[in-house]
Amino acid sequence: MLPTAIRFYETALLRSADLENGGMHYSFGPDGSIYDFDKYHWVHCETVAAAACLAVRTGNQRYWQDYDHLWAYSWAHLIDQKHGGWYRVLTPEGQKYDDLKSPPAKTDYHPFGACYEILRATGAVETI
């Protein structure tokens, strides 16, 4: 399963990482072209968690570098540092469209789930 996880991660990073503005574009097609250049909070959450899990499982420090870059981008652009929460969608340049965050039914489960996975992967918490 690890080789498949690495392949998925590397493909996603290769196809959707925004090398000019930072962060990750939302989606790409089978031919590798970007379909949606916006930046969604959940993509960053899931990619940060995947980077941490791959770093722990492979010992490859490059995954920790990806982790650090994506957290830095998320902190600077996606996280509301005054009121908390993550902005849902950013422009391709990393600007928020509005102040909308996750609606009450979703309650930021992507950031919480990603943080839990990071803590679990690093051994900071035991699996429930």
N, C-alpha and C. Protein backbone atom coordinates (compact mmCIF):
# COMPACT_ATOMS: atom_id res chain seq x y z
N MET A 1 0.81 -1.19 0.00
CA MET A 1 0.00 0.00 0.00
C MET A 1 0.87 1.27 0.00
N LEU A 2 2.01 1.23 0.64
CA LEU A 2 2.88 2.41 0.70
C LEU A 2 3.31 2.88 -0.69
N PRO A 3 3.72 2.00 -1.59
CA PRO A 3 4.09 2.49 -2.93
C PRO A 3 2.93 3.20 -3.64
N THR A 4 1.72 2.72 -3.44
CA THR A 4 0.55 3.38 -4.06
C THR A 4 0.31 4.74 -3.43
N ALA A 5 0.43 4.84 -2.12
CA ALA A 5 0.27 6.13 -1.44
C ALA A 5 1.31 7.13 -1.93
N ILE A 6 2.53 6.68 -2.08
CA ILE A 6 3.60 7.55 -2.58
C ILE A 6 3.28 8.01 -4.00
N ARG A 7 2.85 7.10 -4.84
CA ARG A 7 2.52 7.44 -6.23
C ARG A 7 1.39 8.47 -6.29
N PHE A 8 0.33 8.26 -5.50
CA PHE A 8 -0.79 9.22 -5.48
C PHE A 8 -0.31 10.59 -5.01
N TYR A 9 0.45 10.60 -3.92
CA TYR A 9 0.94 11.85 -3.35
C TYR A 9 1.82 12.59 -4.37
N GLU A 10 2.78 11.87 -4.93
CA GLU A 10 3.71 12.50 -5.87
C GLU A 10 2.99 13.01 -7.12
N THR A 11 2.01 12.27 -7.59
CA THR A 11 1.23 12.72 -8.75
C THR A 11 0.46 13.98 -8.42
N ALA A 12 -0.19 14.00 -7.26
CA ALA A 12 -0.95 15.19 -6.86
C ALA A 12 -0.05 16.40 -6.72
N LEU A 13 1.10 16.21 -6.10
CA LEU A 13 2.03 17.33 -5.93
C LEU A 13 2.56 17.81 -7.28
N LEU A 14 2.93 16.90 -8.13
CA LEU A 14 3.45 17.25 -9.45
C LEU A 14 2.42 18.02 -10.27
N ARG A 15 1.18 17.58 -10.22
CA ARG A 15 0.14 18.17 -11.06
C ARG A 15 -0.48 19.44 -10.49
N SER A 16 -0.62 19.52 -9.15
CA SER A 16 -1.41 20.62 -8.61
C SER A 16 -0.65 21.61 -7.74
N ALA A 17 0.61 21.37 -7.43
CA ALA A 17 1.37 22.36 -6.65
C ALA A 17 1.54 23.62 -7.48
N ASP A 18 1.29 24.76 -6.87
CA ASP A 18 1.45 26.05 -7.53
C ASP A 18 2.84 26.57 -7.20
N LEU A 19 3.77 26.37 -8.10
CA LEU A 19 5.16 26.75 -7.87
C LEU A 19 5.36 28.26 -7.90
N GLU A 20 4.43 28.98 -8.53
CA GLU A 20 4.54 30.43 -8.62
C GLU A 20 4.00 31.14 -7.38
N ASN A 21 2.82 30.74 -6.92
CA ASN A 21 2.14 31.43 -5.82
C ASN A 21 2.12 30.65 -4.51
N GLY A 22 2.52 29.40 -4.54
CA GLY A 22 2.46 28.56 -3.35
C GLY A 22 1.11 27.85 -3.25
N GLY A 23 1.03 26.87 -2.39
CA GLY A 23 -0.20 26.14 -2.18
C GLY A 23 -0.48 25.12 -3.28
N MET A 24 -1.70 24.61 -3.26
CA MET A 24 -2.12 23.56 -4.18
C MET A 24 -3.40 23.98 -4.90
N HIS A 25 -3.41 23.82 -6.21
CA HIS A 25 -4.64 24.04 -6.97
C HIS A 25 -5.62 22.92 -6.63
N TYR A 26 -6.91 23.18 -6.88
CA TYR A 26 -7.94 22.25 -6.45
C TYR A 26 -7.98 20.94 -7.22
N SER A 27 -8.00 20.98 -8.54
CA SER A 27 -8.20 19.71 -9.25
C SER A 27 -7.50 19.71 -10.61
N PHE A 28 -7.18 18.50 -11.04
CA PHE A 28 -6.56 18.31 -12.35
C PHE A 28 -7.17 17.09 -13.00
N GLY A 29 -7.06 17.05 -14.33
CA GLY A 29 -7.65 15.97 -15.10
C GLY A 29 -6.67 14.86 -15.41
N PRO A 30 -7.16 13.81 -16.06
CA PRO A 30 -6.31 12.67 -16.42
C PRO A 30 -5.11 13.06 -17.28
N ASP A 31 -5.25 14.13 -18.05
CA ASP A 31 -4.14 14.57 -18.89
C ASP A 31 -3.16 15.47 -18.14
N GLY A 32 -3.45 15.73 -16.85
CA GLY A 32 -2.57 16.56 -16.03
C GLY A 32 -2.89 18.04 -16.05
N SER A 33 -3.84 18.45 -16.88
CA SER A 33 -4.17 19.88 -16.91
C SER A 33 -5.02 20.26 -15.71
N ILE A 34 -4.82 21.47 -15.23
CA ILE A 34 -5.56 21.97 -14.07
C ILE A 34 -6.98 22.31 -14.51
N TYR A 35 -7.96 21.79 -13.79
CA TYR A 35 -9.37 22.09 -14.06
C TYR A 35 -9.87 23.25 -13.22
N ASP A 36 -9.38 23.35 -12.00
CA ASP A 36 -9.82 24.41 -11.09
C ASP A 36 -8.58 24.96 -10.40
N PHE A 37 -8.23 26.19 -10.70
CA PHE A 37 -7.02 26.81 -10.17
C PHE A 37 -7.19 27.36 -8.76
N ASP A 38 -8.42 27.39 -8.25
CA ASP A 38 -8.65 27.89 -6.90
C ASP A 38 -7.95 26.98 -5.88
N LYS A 39 -7.86 27.48 -4.65
CA LYS A 39 -7.19 26.74 -3.58
C LYS A 39 -8.17 26.53 -2.44
N TYR A 40 -8.51 25.27 -2.22
CA TYR A 40 -9.49 24.90 -1.21
C TYR A 40 -8.77 24.45 0.06
N HIS A 41 -9.34 24.81 1.19
CA HIS A 41 -8.68 24.50 2.46
C HIS A 41 -8.50 23.01 2.66
N TRP A 42 -9.47 22.22 2.27
CA TRP A 42 -9.38 20.78 2.56
C TRP A 42 -8.25 20.11 1.79
N VAL A 43 -7.93 20.61 0.61
CA VAL A 43 -6.82 20.04 -0.15
C VAL A 43 -5.51 20.22 0.61
N HIS A 44 -5.34 21.38 1.20
CA HIS A 44 -4.13 21.65 1.97
C HIS A 44 -4.08 20.82 3.25
N CYS A 45 -5.21 20.69 3.92
CA CYS A 45 -5.27 19.86 5.13
C CYS A 45 -4.87 18.42 4.82
N GLU A 46 -5.49 17.85 3.81
CA GLU A 46 -5.23 16.46 3.48
C GLU A 46 -3.79 16.25 2.99
N THR A 47 -3.25 17.22 2.25
CA THR A 47 -1.89 17.08 1.75
C THR A 47 -0.87 17.20 2.87
N VAL A 48 -1.10 18.10 3.82
CA VAL A 48 -0.21 18.21 4.98
C VAL A 48 -0.20 16.91 5.76
N ALA A 49 -1.37 16.33 5.99
CA ALA A 49 -1.44 15.06 6.73
C ALA A 49 -0.75 13.95 5.95
N ALA A 50 -0.96 13.90 4.64
CA ALA A 50 -0.30 12.87 3.83
C ALA A 50 1.22 13.03 3.87
N ALA A 51 1.70 14.26 3.81
CA ALA A 51 3.14 14.50 3.87
C ALA A 51 3.72 14.00 5.19
N ALA A 52 3.04 14.28 6.30
CA ALA A 52 3.52 13.81 7.61
C ALA A 52 3.51 12.29 7.68
N CYS A 53 2.45 11.67 7.22
CA CYS A 53 2.38 10.20 7.25
C CYS A 53 3.48 9.58 6.39
N LEU A 54 3.71 10.13 5.22
CA LEU A 54 4.76 9.59 4.36
C LEU A 54 6.15 9.84 4.94
N ALA A 55 6.34 10.98 5.57
CA ALA A 55 7.64 11.26 6.20
C ALA A 55 7.95 10.24 7.29
N VAL A 56 6.95 9.96 8.11
CA VAL A 56 7.14 9.00 9.20
C VAL A 56 7.37 7.59 8.64
N ARG A 57 6.57 7.20 7.68
CA ARG A 57 6.65 5.82 7.17
C ARG A 57 7.87 5.55 6.29
N THR A 58 8.36 6.58 5.59
CA THR A 58 9.48 6.37 4.69
C THR A 58 10.82 6.84 5.25
N GLY A 59 10.77 7.78 6.19
CA GLY A 59 12.00 8.38 6.69
C GLY A 59 12.59 9.42 5.73
N ASN A 60 11.89 9.71 4.65
CA ASN A 60 12.36 10.67 3.65
C ASN A 60 12.06 12.09 4.14
N GLN A 61 13.11 12.85 4.41
CA GLN A 61 12.96 14.21 4.95
C GLN A 61 12.29 15.17 3.98
N ARG A 62 12.30 14.85 2.71
CA ARG A 62 11.64 15.73 1.75
C ARG A 62 10.16 15.88 2.05
N TYR A 63 9.53 14.85 2.59
CA TYR A 63 8.11 14.95 2.95
C TYR A 63 7.92 15.94 4.09
N TRP A 64 8.87 16.02 5.01
CA TRP A 64 8.78 17.04 6.08
C TRP A 64 8.96 18.43 5.48
N GLN A 65 9.76 18.57 4.45
CA GLN A 65 9.91 19.86 3.77
C GLN A 65 8.59 20.27 3.12
N ASP A 66 7.94 19.31 2.45
CA ASP A 66 6.61 19.59 1.87
C ASP A 66 5.64 20.01 2.97
N TYR A 67 5.66 19.27 4.07
CA TYR A 67 4.81 19.55 5.23
C TYR A 67 5.02 20.99 5.70
N ASP A 68 6.28 21.37 5.89
CA ASP A 68 6.59 22.72 6.36
C ASP A 68 6.12 23.79 5.37
N HIS A 69 6.35 23.57 4.08
CA HIS A 69 5.92 24.55 3.07
C HIS A 69 4.41 24.71 3.04
N LEU A 70 3.69 23.59 3.11
CA LEU A 70 2.23 23.66 3.05
C LEU A 70 1.64 24.26 4.32
N TRP A 71 2.24 23.97 5.48
CA TRP A 71 1.77 24.60 6.71
C TRP A 71 2.02 26.10 6.66
N ALA A 72 3.19 26.51 6.17
CA ALA A 72 3.50 27.94 6.08
C ALA A 72 2.51 28.64 5.16
N TYR A 73 2.19 28.01 4.03
CA TYR A 73 1.22 28.59 3.11
C TYR A 73 -0.16 28.67 3.78
N SER A 74 -0.55 27.59 4.41
CA SER A 74 -1.86 27.56 5.07
C SER A 74 -1.96 28.61 6.16
N TRP A 75 -0.91 28.75 6.95
CA TRP A 75 -0.90 29.73 8.04
C TRP A 75 -1.01 31.15 7.47
N ALA A 76 -0.30 31.41 6.40
CA ALA A 76 -0.28 32.76 5.82
C ALA A 76 -1.55 33.11 5.05
N HIS A 77 -2.23 32.11 4.47
CA HIS A 77 -3.34 32.42 3.57
C HIS A 77 -4.69 31.83 3.96
N LEU A 78 -4.70 30.64 4.51
CA LEU A 78 -5.97 29.93 4.73
C LEU A 78 -6.53 30.05 6.15
N ILE A 79 -5.68 30.25 7.12
CA ILE A 79 -6.11 30.25 8.51
C ILE A 79 -6.42 31.67 8.96
N ASP A 80 -7.61 31.85 9.53
CA ASP A 80 -8.01 33.14 10.09
C ASP A 80 -7.33 33.27 11.45
N GLN A 81 -6.25 34.02 11.50
CA GLN A 81 -5.46 34.13 12.72
C GLN A 81 -6.10 34.99 13.79
N LYS A 82 -7.12 35.76 13.42
CA LYS A 82 -7.81 36.59 14.41
C LYS A 82 -9.00 35.87 15.05
N HIS A 83 -9.82 35.22 14.23
CA HIS A 83 -11.06 34.61 14.73
C HIS A 83 -11.04 33.09 14.70
N GLY A 84 -9.99 32.49 14.16
CA GLY A 84 -9.93 31.03 14.07
C GLY A 84 -10.63 30.50 12.84
N GLY A 85 -10.41 29.26 12.57
CA GLY A 85 -11.02 28.60 11.42
C GLY A 85 -10.20 28.79 10.15
N TRP A 86 -10.61 28.08 9.13
CA TRP A 86 -9.93 28.12 7.84
C TRP A 86 -10.88 28.70 6.80
N TYR A 87 -10.39 29.63 6.00
CA TYR A 87 -11.19 30.12 4.88
C TYR A 87 -11.35 28.98 3.89
N ARG A 88 -12.53 28.89 3.31
CA ARG A 88 -12.84 27.74 2.47
C ARG A 88 -12.11 27.73 1.14
N VAL A 89 -12.11 28.86 0.43
CA VAL A 89 -11.58 28.88 -0.93
C VAL A 89 -10.79 30.18 -1.16
N LEU A 90 -9.64 30.03 -1.80
CA LEU A 90 -8.83 31.18 -2.17
C LEU A 90 -8.72 31.28 -3.69
N THR A 91 -8.37 32.45 -4.15
CA THR A 91 -8.08 32.63 -5.58
C THR A 91 -6.78 31.89 -5.91
N PRO A 92 -6.48 31.72 -7.18
CA PRO A 92 -5.21 31.09 -7.54
C PRO A 92 -3.99 31.84 -6.97
N GLU A 93 -4.14 33.15 -6.76
CA GLU A 93 -3.05 33.95 -6.20
C GLU A 93 -2.99 33.89 -4.68
N GLY A 94 -3.93 33.19 -4.05
CA GLY A 94 -3.91 33.02 -2.60
C GLY A 94 -4.69 34.05 -1.82
N GLN A 95 -5.58 34.77 -2.49
CA GLN A 95 -6.41 35.76 -1.81
C GLN A 95 -7.78 35.15 -1.51
N LYS A 96 -8.33 35.46 -0.35
CA LYS A 96 -9.65 34.91 -0.03
C LYS A 96 -10.73 35.62 -0.85
N TYR A 97 -11.71 34.86 -1.26
CA TYR A 97 -12.84 35.43 -1.98
C TYR A 97 -13.77 36.16 -1.03
N ASP A 98 -13.89 35.62 0.17
CA ASP A 98 -14.79 36.17 1.17
C ASP A 98 -14.37 35.65 2.54
N ASP A 99 -15.16 35.92 3.56
CA ASP A 99 -14.84 35.48 4.92
C ASP A 99 -15.50 34.16 5.29
N LEU A 100 -16.08 33.46 4.31
CA LEU A 100 -16.77 32.21 4.61
C LEU A 100 -15.79 31.13 5.07
N LYS A 101 -16.24 30.39 6.08
CA LYS A 101 -15.48 29.25 6.58
C LYS A 101 -16.41 28.05 6.53
N SER A 102 -16.02 26.95 7.12
CA SER A 102 -16.86 25.76 7.08
C SER A 102 -18.20 26.03 7.76
N PRO A 103 -19.30 25.58 7.13
CA PRO A 103 -20.61 25.77 7.75
C PRO A 103 -20.74 24.88 8.99
N PRO A 104 -21.69 25.19 9.88
CA PRO A 104 -21.82 24.44 11.14
C PRO A 104 -21.86 22.92 11.00
N ALA A 105 -22.49 22.41 9.97
CA ALA A 105 -22.58 20.95 9.83
C ALA A 105 -21.21 20.32 9.58
N LYS A 106 -20.31 21.05 9.00
CA LYS A 106 -18.98 20.50 8.70
C LYS A 106 -17.97 20.78 9.80
N THR A 107 -18.11 21.86 10.49
CA THR A 107 -17.29 22.23 11.66
C THR A 107 -15.80 21.96 11.50
N ASP A 108 -15.25 22.35 10.39
CA ASP A 108 -13.80 22.23 10.18
C ASP A 108 -13.26 20.82 10.37
N TYR A 109 -13.99 19.82 9.95
CA TYR A 109 -13.51 18.46 10.16
C TYR A 109 -12.23 18.15 9.39
N HIS A 110 -11.99 18.80 8.29
CA HIS A 110 -10.74 18.54 7.55
C HIS A 110 -9.51 18.98 8.36
N PRO A 111 -9.48 20.21 8.89
CA PRO A 111 -8.31 20.58 9.69
C PRO A 111 -8.15 19.71 10.94
N PHE A 112 -9.25 19.42 11.63
CA PHE A 112 -9.15 18.59 12.83
C PHE A 112 -8.71 17.17 12.49
N GLY A 113 -9.28 16.61 11.44
CA GLY A 113 -8.90 15.26 11.03
C GLY A 113 -7.45 15.19 10.60
N ALA A 114 -7.00 16.20 9.87
CA ALA A 114 -5.60 16.22 9.43
C ALA A 114 -4.66 16.34 10.62
N CYS A 115 -4.99 17.21 11.56
CA CYS A 115 -4.14 17.36 12.75
C CYS A 115 -4.12 16.07 13.56
N TYR A 116 -5.24 15.41 13.69
CA TYR A 116 -5.26 14.14 14.41
C TYR A 116 -4.37 13.11 13.70
N GLU A 117 -4.47 13.03 12.38
CA GLU A 117 -3.64 12.07 11.63
C GLU A 117 -2.15 12.37 11.82
N ILE A 118 -1.79 13.64 11.83
CA ILE A 118 -0.40 14.03 12.05
C ILE A 118 0.06 13.59 13.44
N LEU A 119 -0.76 13.86 14.44
CA LEU A 119 -0.42 13.46 15.82
C LEU A 119 -0.33 11.94 15.94
N ARG A 120 -1.25 11.23 15.29
CA ARG A 120 -1.24 9.78 15.34
C ARG A 120 -0.01 9.22 14.64
N ALA A 121 0.30 9.75 13.46
CA ALA A 121 1.44 9.25 12.68
C ALA A 121 2.75 9.47 13.42
N THR A 122 2.87 10.57 14.13
CA THR A 122 4.11 10.88 14.84
C THR A 122 4.18 10.24 16.22
N GLY A 123 3.10 9.56 16.60
CA GLY A 123 3.08 8.89 17.90
C GLY A 123 2.73 9.78 19.07
N ALA A 124 2.28 10.99 18.79
CA ALA A 124 1.92 11.93 19.84
C ALA A 124 0.60 11.54 20.54
N VAL A 125 -0.25 10.80 19.83
CA VAL A 125 -1.49 10.28 20.41
C VAL A 125 -1.65 8.82 20.00
N GLU A 126 -2.36 8.08 20.79
CA GLU A 126 -2.65 6.69 20.43
C GLU A 126 -3.88 6.63 19.56
N THR A 127 -3.94 5.63 18.72
CA THR A 127 -5.11 5.43 17.88
C THR A 127 -6.31 5.09 18.75
N ILE A 128 -7.41 5.72 18.43
CA ILE A 128 -8.65 5.45 19.19
C ILE A 128 -9.24 4.14 18.75
